[in-house]
Amino acid sequence: MQQGVCVSVVDLVTTRQFNLYGELLSQFDRTDTAFLPKPPSTYAATCRCRRADHGSKLTTWAYPLSIGAPLPTLPIWLDEDECMSLELEASYEETCRALRIT
């Protein structure tokens, strides 16, 4: 991330209580108030670090996940100015269709 790479995390593991997104934020001495006091066990997040006037700026998009609720769409930054959408719900539905999971 310090070299401008955008990172997305989709954490669906419910058997442990560890939040990679929270750990990543702690490396930048940051927290996400939407995930306090107890971070969700399942979530999706994108983190982007970009150059600013006096150093760098960390921007995040994070969503708690719930069983039965639609999955979010995450931004994926390809470079400083170009972004595309990672449509998790559409990807999930296509995977279920391809694997014949109903």
PDB file of N, CA and C in Angstrom:
ATOM      1  N   MET A   1       0.817  -1.182   0.000  1.00  0.00           N
ATOM      2  CA  MET A   1       0.000   0.000   0.000  1.00  0.00           C
ATOM      3  C   MET A   1       0.868   1.257   0.000  1.00  0.00           C
ATOM      4  N   GLN A   2       2.019   1.200   0.623  1.00  0.00           N
ATOM      5  CA  GLN A   2       2.889   2.366   0.661  1.00  0.00           C
ATOM      6  C   GLN A   2       3.422   2.719  -0.720  1.00  0.00           C
ATOM      7  N   GLN A   3       3.299   1.788  -1.660  1.00  0.00           N
ATOM      8  CA  GLN A   3       3.732   2.046  -3.026  1.00  0.00           C
ATOM      9  C   GLN A   3       2.543   2.345  -3.938  1.00  0.00           C
ATOM     10  N   GLY A   4       1.374   2.631  -3.356  1.00  0.00           N
ATOM     11  CA  GLY A   4       0.207   3.021  -4.130  1.00  0.00           C
ATOM     12  C   GLY A   4      -0.681   1.890  -4.602  1.00  0.00           C
ATOM     13  N   VAL A   5      -0.475   0.687  -4.095  1.00  0.00           N
ATOM     14  CA  VAL A   5      -1.301  -0.449  -4.480  1.00  0.00           C
ATOM     15  C   VAL A   5      -2.590  -0.437  -3.673  1.00  0.00           C
ATOM     16  N   CYS A   6      -3.708  -0.599  -4.340  1.00  0.00           N
ATOM     17  CA  CYS A   6      -5.006  -0.689  -3.687  1.00  0.00           C
ATOM     18  C   CYS A   6      -5.204  -2.132  -3.201  1.00  0.00           C
ATOM     19  N   VAL A   7      -5.714  -2.291  -1.973  1.00  0.00           N
ATOM     20  CA  VAL A   7      -5.908  -3.616  -1.389  1.00  0.00           C
ATOM     21  C   VAL A   7      -7.372  -3.789  -1.005  1.00  0.00           C
ATOM     22  N   SER A   8      -7.961  -4.908  -1.423  1.00  0.00           N
ATOM     23  CA  SER A   8      -9.320  -5.246  -1.019  1.00  0.00           C
ATOM     24  C   SER A   8      -9.295  -6.556  -0.249  1.00  0.00           C
ATOM     25  N   VAL A   9     -10.112  -6.607   0.806  1.00  0.00           N
ATOM     26  CA  VAL A   9     -10.217  -7.790   1.650  1.00  0.00           C
ATOM     27  C   VAL A   9     -11.692  -8.154   1.756  1.00  0.00           C
ATOM     28  N   VAL A  10     -12.014  -9.412   1.470  1.00  0.00           N
ATOM     29  CA  VAL A  10     -13.363  -9.932   1.699  1.00  0.00           C
ATOM     30  C   VAL A  10     -13.185 -11.081   2.672  1.00  0.00           C
ATOM     31  N   ASP A  11     -13.584 -10.858   3.912  1.00  0.00           N
ATOM     32  CA  ASP A  11     -13.370 -11.840   4.974  1.00  0.00           C
ATOM     33  C   ASP A  11     -14.697 -12.505   5.312  1.00  0.00           C
ATOM     34  N   LEU A  12     -14.809 -13.765   4.929  1.00  0.00           N
ATOM     35  CA  LEU A  12     -16.033 -14.531   5.157  1.00  0.00           C
ATOM     36  C   LEU A  12     -15.867 -15.610   6.218  1.00  0.00           C
ATOM     37  N   VAL A  13     -14.695 -15.677   6.837  1.00  0.00           N
ATOM     38  CA  VAL A  13     -14.405 -16.716   7.817  1.00  0.00           C
ATOM     39  C   VAL A  13     -15.062 -16.356   9.143  1.00  0.00           C
ATOM     40  N   THR A  14     -15.921 -17.232   9.636  1.00  0.00           N
ATOM     41  CA  THR A  14     -16.657 -16.955  10.879  1.00  0.00           C
ATOM     42  C   THR A  14     -16.159 -17.769  12.057  1.00  0.00           C
ATOM     43  N   THR A  15     -15.159 -18.624  11.837  1.00  0.00           N
ATOM     44  CA  THR A  15     -14.711 -19.514  12.912  1.00  0.00           C
ATOM     45  C   THR A  15     -13.607 -18.918  13.779  1.00  0.00           C
ATOM     46  N   ARG A  16     -13.197 -17.706  13.499  1.00  0.00           N
ATOM     47  CA  ARG A  16     -12.184 -17.055  14.314  1.00  0.00           C
ATOM     48  C   ARG A  16     -12.547 -15.585  14.476  1.00  0.00           C
ATOM     49  N   GLN A  17     -12.000 -14.978  15.485  1.00  0.00           N
ATOM     50  CA  GLN A  17     -12.273 -13.567  15.750  1.00  0.00           C
ATOM     51  C   GLN A  17     -11.024 -12.740  15.472  1.00  0.00           C
ATOM     52  N   PHE A  18     -10.726 -12.535  14.209  1.00  0.00           N
ATOM     53  CA  PHE A  18      -9.582 -11.738  13.792  1.00  0.00           C
ATOM     54  C   PHE A  18     -10.047 -10.847  12.654  1.00  0.00           C
ATOM     55  N   ASN A  19      -9.647  -9.593  12.661  1.00  0.00           N
ATOM     56  CA  ASN A  19     -10.087  -8.663  11.641  1.00  0.00           C
ATOM     57  C   ASN A  19      -8.861  -8.106  10.920  1.00  0.00           C
ATOM     58  N   LEU A  20      -8.585  -8.630   9.730  1.00  0.00           N
ATOM     59  CA  LEU A  20      -7.420  -8.216   8.951  1.00  0.00           C
ATOM     60  C   LEU A  20      -7.498  -6.733   8.597  1.00  0.00           C
ATOM     61  N   TYR A  21      -8.691  -6.249   8.296  1.00  0.00           N
ATOM     62  CA  TYR A  21      -8.880  -4.829   7.985  1.00  0.00           C
ATOM     63  C   TYR A  21      -8.460  -3.963   9.174  1.00  0.00           C
ATOM     64  N   GLY A  22      -8.878  -4.329  10.362  1.00  0.00           N
ATOM     65  CA  GLY A  22      -8.486  -3.600  11.564  1.00  0.00           C
ATOM     66  C   GLY A  22      -6.986  -3.637  11.781  1.00  0.00           C
ATOM     67  N   GLU A  23      -6.381  -4.784  11.538  1.00  0.00           N
ATOM     68  CA  GLU A  23      -4.926  -4.908  11.669  1.00  0.00           C
ATOM     69  C   GLU A  23      -4.204  -4.033  10.639  1.00  0.00           C
ATOM     70  N   LEU A  24      -4.725  -4.005   9.425  1.00  0.00           N
ATOM     71  CA  LEU A  24      -4.139  -3.172   8.387  1.00  0.00           C
ATOM     72  C   LEU A  24      -4.217  -1.696   8.774  1.00  0.00           C
ATOM     73  N   LEU A  25      -5.369  -1.272   9.274  1.00  0.00           N
ATOM     74  CA  LEU A  25      -5.513   0.116   9.715  1.00  0.00           C
ATOM     75  C   LEU A  25      -4.550   0.446  10.849  1.00  0.00           C
ATOM     76  N   SER A  26      -4.340  -0.504  11.745  1.00  0.00           N
ATOM     77  CA  SER A  26      -3.447  -0.249  12.879  1.00  0.00           C
ATOM     78  C   SER A  26      -2.011  -0.002  12.417  1.00  0.00           C
ATOM     79  N   GLN A  27      -1.623  -0.552  11.271  1.00  0.00           N
ATOM     80  CA  GLN A  27      -0.290  -0.301  10.725  1.00  0.00           C
ATOM     81  C   GLN A  27      -0.115   1.172  10.329  1.00  0.00           C
ATOM     82  N   PHE A  28      -1.245   1.850  10.102  1.00  0.00           N
ATOM     83  CA  PHE A  28      -1.231   3.269   9.752  1.00  0.00           C
ATOM     84  C   PHE A  28      -1.717   4.130  10.926  1.00  0.00           C
ATOM     85  N   ASP A  29      -1.768   3.531  12.123  1.00  0.00           N
ATOM     86  CA  ASP A  29      -2.268   4.218  13.322  1.00  0.00           C
ATOM     87  C   ASP A  29      -3.665   4.782  13.106  1.00  0.00           C
ATOM     88  N   ARG A  30      -4.541   3.988  12.506  1.00  0.00           N
ATOM     89  CA  ARG A  30      -5.918   4.396  12.224  1.00  0.00           C
ATOM     90  C   ARG A  30      -6.896   3.347  12.750  1.00  0.00           C
ATOM     91  N   THR A  31      -8.143   3.765  12.907  1.00  0.00           N
ATOM     92  CA  THR A  31      -9.248   2.859  13.205  1.00  0.00           C
ATOM     93  C   THR A  31     -10.424   3.276  12.337  1.00  0.00           C
ATOM     94  N   ASP A  32     -11.392   2.419  12.218  1.00  0.00           N
ATOM     95  CA  ASP A  32     -12.633   2.732  11.512  1.00  0.00           C
ATOM     96  C   ASP A  32     -13.723   2.786  12.568  1.00  0.00           C
ATOM     97  N   THR A  33     -14.234   3.967  12.854  1.00  0.00           N
ATOM     98  CA  THR A  33     -15.227   4.125  13.922  1.00  0.00           C
ATOM     99  C   THR A  33     -16.498   3.336  13.655  1.00  0.00           C
ATOM    100  N   ALA A  34     -16.793   3.038  12.398  1.00  0.00           N
ATOM    101  CA  ALA A  34     -17.977   2.232  12.084  1.00  0.00           C
ATOM    102  C   ALA A  34     -17.810   0.787  12.552  1.00  0.00           C
ATOM    103  N   PHE A  35     -16.561   0.369  12.817  1.00  0.00           N
ATOM    104  CA  PHE A  35     -16.297  -1.008  13.237  1.00  0.00           C
ATOM    105  C   PHE A  35     -15.967  -1.098  14.718  1.00  0.00           C
ATOM    106  N   LEU A  36     -16.265  -0.047  15.470  1.00  0.00           N
ATOM    107  CA  LEU A  36     -16.011  -0.038  16.904  1.00  0.00           C
ATOM    108  C   LEU A  36     -17.321  -0.136  17.675  1.00  0.00           C
ATOM    109  N   PRO A  37     -17.382  -0.669  18.872  1.00  0.00           N
ATOM    110  CA  PRO A  37     -16.248  -1.121  19.666  1.00  0.00           C
ATOM    111  C   PRO A  37     -15.774  -2.520  19.293  1.00  0.00           C
ATOM    112  N   LYS A  38     -16.636  -3.331  18.669  1.00  0.00           N
ATOM    113  CA  LYS A  38     -16.239  -4.691  18.298  1.00  0.00           C
ATOM    114  C   LYS A  38     -16.387  -4.848  16.790  1.00  0.00           C
ATOM    115  N   PRO A  39     -15.288  -5.114  16.080  1.00  0.00           N
ATOM    116  CA  PRO A  39     -15.372  -5.272  14.628  1.00  0.00           C
ATOM    117  C   PRO A  39     -16.205  -6.496  14.255  1.00  0.00           C
ATOM    118  N   PRO A  40     -16.904  -6.431  13.128  1.00  0.00           N
ATOM    119  CA  PRO A  40     -17.678  -7.593  12.689  1.00  0.00           C
ATOM    120  C   PRO A  40     -16.746  -8.736  12.297  1.00  0.00           C
ATOM    121  N   SER A  41     -17.253  -9.957  12.389  1.00  0.00           N
ATOM    122  CA  SER A  41     -16.419 -11.104  12.019  1.00  0.00           C
ATOM    123  C   SER A  41     -16.378 -11.298  10.504  1.00  0.00           C
ATOM    124  N   THR A  42     -17.381 -10.812   9.787  1.00  0.00           N
ATOM    125  CA  THR A  42     -17.372 -10.878   8.325  1.00  0.00           C
ATOM    126  C   THR A  42     -17.540  -9.464   7.772  1.00  0.00           C
ATOM    127  N   TYR A  43     -16.768  -9.145   6.760  1.00  0.00           N
ATOM    128  CA  TYR A  43     -16.774  -7.793   6.216  1.00  0.00           C
ATOM    129  C   TYR A  43     -16.084  -7.784   4.855  1.00  0.00           C
ATOM    130  N   ALA A  44     -16.235  -6.682   4.146  1.00  0.00           N
ATOM    131  CA  ALA A  44     -15.513  -6.442   2.903  1.00  0.00           C
ATOM    132  C   ALA A  44     -14.961  -5.024   2.981  1.00  0.00           C
ATOM    133  N   ALA A  45     -13.733  -4.831   2.522  1.00  0.00           N
ATOM    134  CA  ALA A  45     -13.106  -3.511   2.615  1.00  0.00           C
ATOM    135  C   ALA A  45     -12.101  -3.308   1.491  1.00  0.00           C
ATOM    136  N   THR A  46     -11.961  -2.060   1.090  1.00  0.00           N
ATOM    137  CA  THR A  46     -10.909  -1.644   0.170  1.00  0.00           C
ATOM    138  C   THR A  46     -10.134  -0.523   0.834  1.00  0.00           C
ATOM    139  N   CYS A  47      -8.815  -0.576   0.730  1.00  0.00           N
ATOM    140  CA  CYS A  47      -7.945   0.466   1.279  1.00  0.00           C
ATOM    141  C   CYS A  47      -7.063   0.995   0.157  1.00  0.00           C
ATOM    142  N   ARG A  48      -6.918   2.307   0.155  1.00  0.00           N
ATOM    143  CA  ARG A  48      -6.102   2.951  -0.873  1.00  0.00           C
ATOM    144  C   ARG A  48      -5.233   4.015  -0.211  1.00  0.00           C
ATOM    145  N   CYS A  49      -3.966   3.971  -0.484  1.00  0.00           N
ATOM    146  CA  CYS A  49      -3.035   4.970   0.029  1.00  0.00           C
ATOM    147  C   CYS A  49      -2.518   5.752  -1.178  1.00  0.00           C
ATOM    148  N   ARG A  50      -2.647   7.067  -1.119  1.00  0.00           N
ATOM    149  CA  ARG A  50      -2.176   7.873  -2.236  1.00  0.00           C
ATOM    150  C   ARG A  50      -1.390   9.070  -1.733  1.00  0.00           C
ATOM    151  N   ARG A  51      -0.598   9.624  -2.609  1.00  0.00           N
ATOM    152  CA  ARG A  51       0.230  10.759  -2.232  1.00  0.00           C
ATOM    153  C   ARG A  51      -0.636  11.998  -2.019  1.00  0.00           C
ATOM    154  N   ALA A  52      -0.290  12.764  -1.006  1.00  0.00           N
ATOM    155  CA  ALA A  52      -0.949  14.032  -0.716  1.00  0.00           C
ATOM    156  C   ALA A  52       0.123  15.108  -0.588  1.00  0.00           C
ATOM    157  N   ASP A  53      -0.302  16.336  -0.344  1.00  0.00           N
ATOM    158  CA  ASP A  53       0.646  17.457  -0.245  1.00  0.00           C
ATOM    159  C   ASP A  53       1.758  17.201   0.768  1.00  0.00           C
ATOM    160  N   HIS A  54       1.400  16.680   1.928  1.00  0.00           N
ATOM    161  CA  HIS A  54       2.376  16.472   3.005  1.00  0.00           C
ATOM    162  C   HIS A  54       2.416  15.008   3.416  1.00  0.00           C
ATOM    163  N   GLY A  55       2.816  14.135   2.516  1.00  0.00           N
ATOM    164  CA  GLY A  55       2.904  12.713   2.842  1.00  0.00           C
ATOM    165  C   GLY A  55       1.929  11.890   2.032  1.00  0.00           C
ATOM    166  N   SER A  56       1.156  11.061   2.717  1.00  0.00           N
ATOM    167  CA  SER A  56       0.193  10.211   2.025  1.00  0.00           C
ATOM    168  C   SER A  56      -1.151  10.248   2.746  1.00  0.00           C
ATOM    169  N   LYS A  57      -2.189   9.858   2.030  1.00  0.00           N
ATOM    170  CA  LYS A  57      -3.542   9.856   2.577  1.00  0.00           C
ATOM    171  C   LYS A  57      -4.139   8.465   2.402  1.00  0.00           C
ATOM    172  N   LEU A  58      -4.654   7.914   3.483  1.00  0.00           N
ATOM    173  CA  LEU A  58      -5.292   6.597   3.463  1.00  0.00           C
ATOM    174  C   LEU A  58      -6.803   6.793   3.343  1.00  0.00           C
ATOM    175  N   THR A  59      -7.397   6.164   2.345  1.00  0.00           N
ATOM    176  CA  THR A  59      -8.848   6.198   2.154  1.00  0.00           C
ATOM    177  C   THR A  59      -9.352   4.766   2.210  1.00  0.00           C
ATOM    178  N   THR A  60     -10.485   4.557   2.900  1.00  0.00           N
ATOM    179  CA  THR A  60     -11.032   3.204   3.039  1.00  0.00           C
ATOM    180  C   THR A  60     -12.517   3.189   2.742  1.00  0.00           C
ATOM    181  N   TRP A  61     -12.981   2.032   2.291  1.00  0.00           N
ATOM    182  CA  TRP A  61     -14.393   1.746   2.099  1.00  0.00           C
ATOM    183  C   TRP A  61     -14.609   0.391   2.757  1.00  0.00           C
ATOM    184  N   ALA A  62     -15.447   0.332   3.782  1.00  0.00           N
ATOM    185  CA  ALA A  62     -15.630  -0.927   4.514  1.00  0.00           C
ATOM    186  C   ALA A  62     -17.106  -1.175   4.772  1.00  0.00           C
ATOM    187  N   TYR A  63     -17.490  -2.439   4.695  1.00  0.00           N
ATOM    188  CA  TYR A  63     -18.881  -2.833   4.858  1.00  0.00           C
ATOM    189  C   TYR A  63     -18.958  -4.108   5.687  1.00  0.00           C
ATOM    190  N   PRO A  64     -19.714  -4.101   6.795  1.00  0.00           N
ATOM    191  CA  PRO A  64     -19.973  -5.355   7.498  1.00  0.00           C
ATOM    192  C   PRO A  64     -20.864  -6.227   6.617  1.00  0.00           C
ATOM    193  N   LEU A  65     -20.675  -7.526   6.677  1.00  0.00           N
ATOM    194  CA  LEU A  65     -21.488  -8.458   5.893  1.00  0.00           C
ATOM    195  C   LEU A  65     -22.468  -9.175   6.809  1.00  0.00           C
ATOM    196  N   SER A  66     -23.663  -9.442   6.278  1.00  0.00           N
ATOM    197  CA  SER A  66     -24.695 -10.161   7.035  1.00  0.00           C
ATOM    198  C   SER A  66     -25.253 -11.282   6.179  1.00  0.00           C
ATOM    199  N   ILE A  67     -25.530 -12.410   6.798  1.00  0.00           N
ATOM    200  CA  ILE A  67     -26.115 -13.547   6.087  1.00  0.00           C
ATOM    201  C   ILE A  67     -27.462 -13.127   5.513  1.00  0.00           C
ATOM    202  N   GLY A  68     -27.656 -13.402   4.236  1.00  0.00           N
ATOM    203  CA  GLY A  68     -28.905 -13.087   3.563  1.00  0.00           C
ATOM    204  C   GLY A  68     -28.954 -11.698   2.948  1.00  0.00           C
ATOM    205  N   ALA A  69     -28.047 -10.815   3.333  1.00  0.00           N
ATOM    206  CA  ALA A  69     -28.014  -9.463   2.775  1.00  0.00           C
ATOM    207  C   ALA A  69     -27.166  -9.463   1.501  1.00  0.00           C
ATOM    208  N   PRO A  70     -27.477  -8.583   0.558  1.00  0.00           N
ATOM    209  CA  PRO A  70     -26.649  -8.498  -0.655  1.00  0.00           C
ATOM    210  C   PRO A  70     -25.212  -8.095  -0.324  1.00  0.00           C
ATOM    211  N   LEU A  71     -24.286  -8.614  -1.099  1.00  0.00           N
ATOM    212  CA  LEU A  71     -22.885  -8.258  -0.939  1.00  0.00           C
ATOM    213  C   LEU A  71     -22.635  -6.878  -1.558  1.00  0.00           C
ATOM    214  N   PRO A  72     -21.705  -6.119  -1.010  1.00  0.00           N
ATOM    215  CA  PRO A  72     -21.455  -4.763  -1.519  1.00  0.00           C
ATOM    216  C   PRO A  72     -20.631  -4.752  -2.799  1.00  0.00           C
ATOM    217  N   THR A  73     -20.533  -3.592  -3.380  1.00  0.00           N
ATOM    218  CA  THR A  73     -19.643  -3.325  -4.500  1.00  0.00           C
ATOM    219  C   THR A  73     -18.466  -2.526  -3.959  1.00  0.00           C
ATOM    220  N   LEU A  74     -17.259  -3.006  -4.219  1.00  0.00           N
ATOM    221  CA  LEU A  74     -16.051  -2.342  -3.740  1.00  0.00           C
ATOM    222  C   LEU A  74     -15.353  -1.614  -4.880  1.00  0.00           C
ATOM    223  N   PRO A  75     -14.797  -0.431  -4.604  1.00  0.00           N
ATOM    224  CA  PRO A  75     -13.968   0.222  -5.616  1.00  0.00           C
ATOM    225  C   PRO A  75     -12.590  -0.430  -5.643  1.00  0.00           C
ATOM    226  N   ILE A  76     -12.048  -0.557  -6.829  1.00  0.00           N
ATOM    227  CA  ILE A  76     -10.698  -1.079  -7.011  1.00  0.00           C
ATOM    228  C   ILE A  76      -9.940  -0.041  -7.832  1.00  0.00           C
ATOM    229  N   TRP A  77      -8.923   0.550  -7.231  1.00  0.00           N
ATOM    230  CA  TRP A  77      -8.137   1.578  -7.915  1.00  0.00           C
ATOM    231  C   TRP A  77      -7.015   0.913  -8.694  1.00  0.00           C
ATOM    232  N   LEU A  78      -7.009   1.105 -10.015  1.00  0.00           N
ATOM    233  CA  LEU A  78      -5.992   0.520 -10.881  1.00  0.00           C
ATOM    234  C   LEU A  78      -4.741   1.391 -10.942  1.00  0.00           C
ATOM    235  N   ASP A  79      -4.920   2.688 -10.810  1.00  0.00           N
ATOM    236  CA  ASP A  79      -3.818   3.637 -10.702  1.00  0.00           C
ATOM    237  C   ASP A  79      -4.354   4.883 -10.009  1.00  0.00           C
ATOM    238  N   GLU A  80      -3.614   5.963 -10.029  1.00  0.00           N
ATOM    239  CA  GLU A  80      -3.985   7.174  -9.297  1.00  0.00           C
ATOM    240  C   GLU A  80      -5.366   7.710  -9.682  1.00  0.00           C
ATOM    241  N   ASP A  81      -5.730   7.597 -10.959  1.00  0.00           N
ATOM    242  CA  ASP A  81      -6.967   8.210 -11.446  1.00  0.00           C
ATOM    243  C   ASP A  81      -8.008   7.224 -11.968  1.00  0.00           C
ATOM    244  N   GLU A  82      -7.662   5.964 -12.108  1.00  0.00           N
ATOM    245  CA  GLU A  82      -8.571   5.005 -12.733  1.00  0.00           C
ATOM    246  C   GLU A  82      -9.093   3.997 -11.717  1.00  0.00           C
ATOM    247  N   CYS A  83     -10.423   3.901 -11.659  1.00  0.00           N
ATOM    248  CA  CYS A  83     -11.082   3.013 -10.697  1.00  0.00           C
ATOM    249  C   CYS A  83     -12.095   2.143 -11.427  1.00  0.00           C
ATOM    250  N   MET A  84     -12.288   0.944 -10.937  1.00  0.00           N
ATOM    251  CA  MET A  84     -13.348   0.072 -11.441  1.00  0.00           C
ATOM    252  C   MET A  84     -14.089  -0.521 -10.245  1.00  0.00           C
ATOM    253  N   SER A  85     -15.227  -1.118 -10.489  1.00  0.00           N
ATOM    254  CA  SER A  85     -16.047  -1.687  -9.416  1.00  0.00           C
ATOM    255  C   SER A  85     -15.895  -3.193  -9.357  1.00  0.00           C
ATOM    256  N   LEU A  86     -15.748  -3.698  -8.150  1.00  0.00           N
ATOM    257  CA  LEU A  86     -15.749  -5.134  -7.901  1.00  0.00           C
ATOM    258  C   LEU A  86     -17.122  -5.465  -7.330  1.00  0.00           C
ATOM    259  N   GLU A  87     -17.982  -6.000  -8.165  1.00  0.00           N
ATOM    260  CA  GLU A  87     -19.366  -6.280  -7.784  1.00  0.00           C
ATOM    261  C   GLU A  87     -19.434  -7.668  -7.144  1.00  0.00           C
ATOM    262  N   LEU A  88     -19.340  -7.694  -5.832  1.00  0.00           N
ATOM    263  CA  LEU A  88     -19.280  -8.963  -5.104  1.00  0.00           C
ATOM    264  C   LEU A  88     -20.563  -9.777  -5.244  1.00  0.00           C
ATOM    265  N   GLU A  89     -21.722  -9.136  -5.200  1.00  0.00           N
ATOM    266  CA  GLU A  89     -22.990  -9.874  -5.306  1.00  0.00           C
ATOM    267  C   GLU A  89     -23.110 -10.551  -6.669  1.00  0.00           C
ATOM    268  N   ALA A  90     -22.805  -9.819  -7.737  1.00  0.00           N
ATOM    269  CA  ALA A  90     -22.874 -10.402  -9.082  1.00  0.00           C
ATOM    270  C   ALA A  90     -21.864 -11.544  -9.234  1.00  0.00           C
ATOM    271  N   SER A  91     -20.672 -11.381  -8.665  1.00  0.00           N
ATOM    272  CA  SER A  91     -19.661 -12.446  -8.724  1.00  0.00           C
ATOM    273  C   SER A  91     -20.122 -13.686  -7.979  1.00  0.00           C
ATOM    274  N   TYR A  92     -20.725 -13.481  -6.811  1.00  0.00           N
ATOM    275  CA  TYR A  92     -21.243 -14.591  -6.008  1.00  0.00           C
ATOM    276  C   TYR A  92     -22.347 -15.328  -6.765  1.00  0.00           C
ATOM    277  N   GLU A  93     -23.289 -14.570  -7.333  1.00  0.00           N
ATOM    278  CA  GLU A  93     -24.395 -15.196  -8.069  1.00  0.00           C
ATOM    279  C   GLU A  93     -23.896 -15.971  -9.274  1.00  0.00           C
ATOM    280  N   GLU A  94     -22.927 -15.427 -10.002  1.00  0.00           N
ATOM    281  CA  GLU A  94     -22.371 -16.122 -11.160  1.00  0.00           C
ATOM    282  C   GLU A  94     -21.631 -17.391 -10.742  1.00  0.00           C
ATOM    283  N   THR A  95     -20.904 -17.336  -9.647  1.00  0.00           N
ATOM    284  CA  THR A  95     -20.206 -18.512  -9.136  1.00  0.00           C
ATOM    285  C   THR A  95     -21.200 -19.602  -8.755  1.00  0.00           C
ATOM    286  N   CYS A  96     -22.265 -19.227  -8.046  1.00  0.00           N
ATOM    287  CA  CYS A  96     -23.302 -20.204  -7.668  1.00  0.00           C
ATOM    288  C   CYS A  96     -23.940 -20.826  -8.915  1.00  0.00           C
ATOM    289  N   ARG A  97     -24.200 -19.991  -9.936  1.00  0.00           N
ATOM    290  CA  ARG A  97     -24.792 -20.501 -11.162  1.00  0.00           C
ATOM    291  C   ARG A  97     -23.839 -21.464 -11.852  1.00  0.00           C
ATOM    292  N   ALA A  98     -22.558 -21.092 -11.972  1.00  0.00           N
ATOM    293  CA  ALA A  98     -21.576 -21.928 -12.653  1.00  0.00           C
ATOM    294  C   ALA A  98     -21.359 -23.249 -11.931  1.00  0.00           C
ATOM    295  N   LEU A  99     -21.432 -23.228 -10.604  1.00  0.00           N
ATOM    296  CA  LEU A  99     -21.224 -24.443  -9.817  1.00  0.00           C
ATOM    297  C   LEU A  99     -22.529 -25.195  -9.537  1.00  0.00           C
ATOM    298  N   ARG A 100     -23.617 -24.655 -10.062  1.00  0.00           N
ATOM    299  CA  ARG A 100     -24.965 -25.223  -9.879  1.00  0.00           C
ATOM    300  C   ARG A 100     -25.331 -25.347  -8.412  1.00  0.00           C
ATOM    301  N   ILE A 101     -24.998 -24.291  -7.651  1.00  0.00           N
ATOM    302  CA  ILE A 101     -25.369 -24.204  -6.251  1.00  0.00           C
ATOM    303  C   ILE A 101     -26.641 -23.380  -6.156  1.00  0.00           C
ATOM    304  N   THR A 102     -27.661 -23.906  -5.503  1.00  0.00           N
ATOM    305  CA  THR A 102     -28.899 -23.136  -5.372  1.00  0.00           C
ATOM    306  C   THR A 102     -29.218 -22.866  -3.938  1.00  0.00           C
TER     307      THR A 102
END
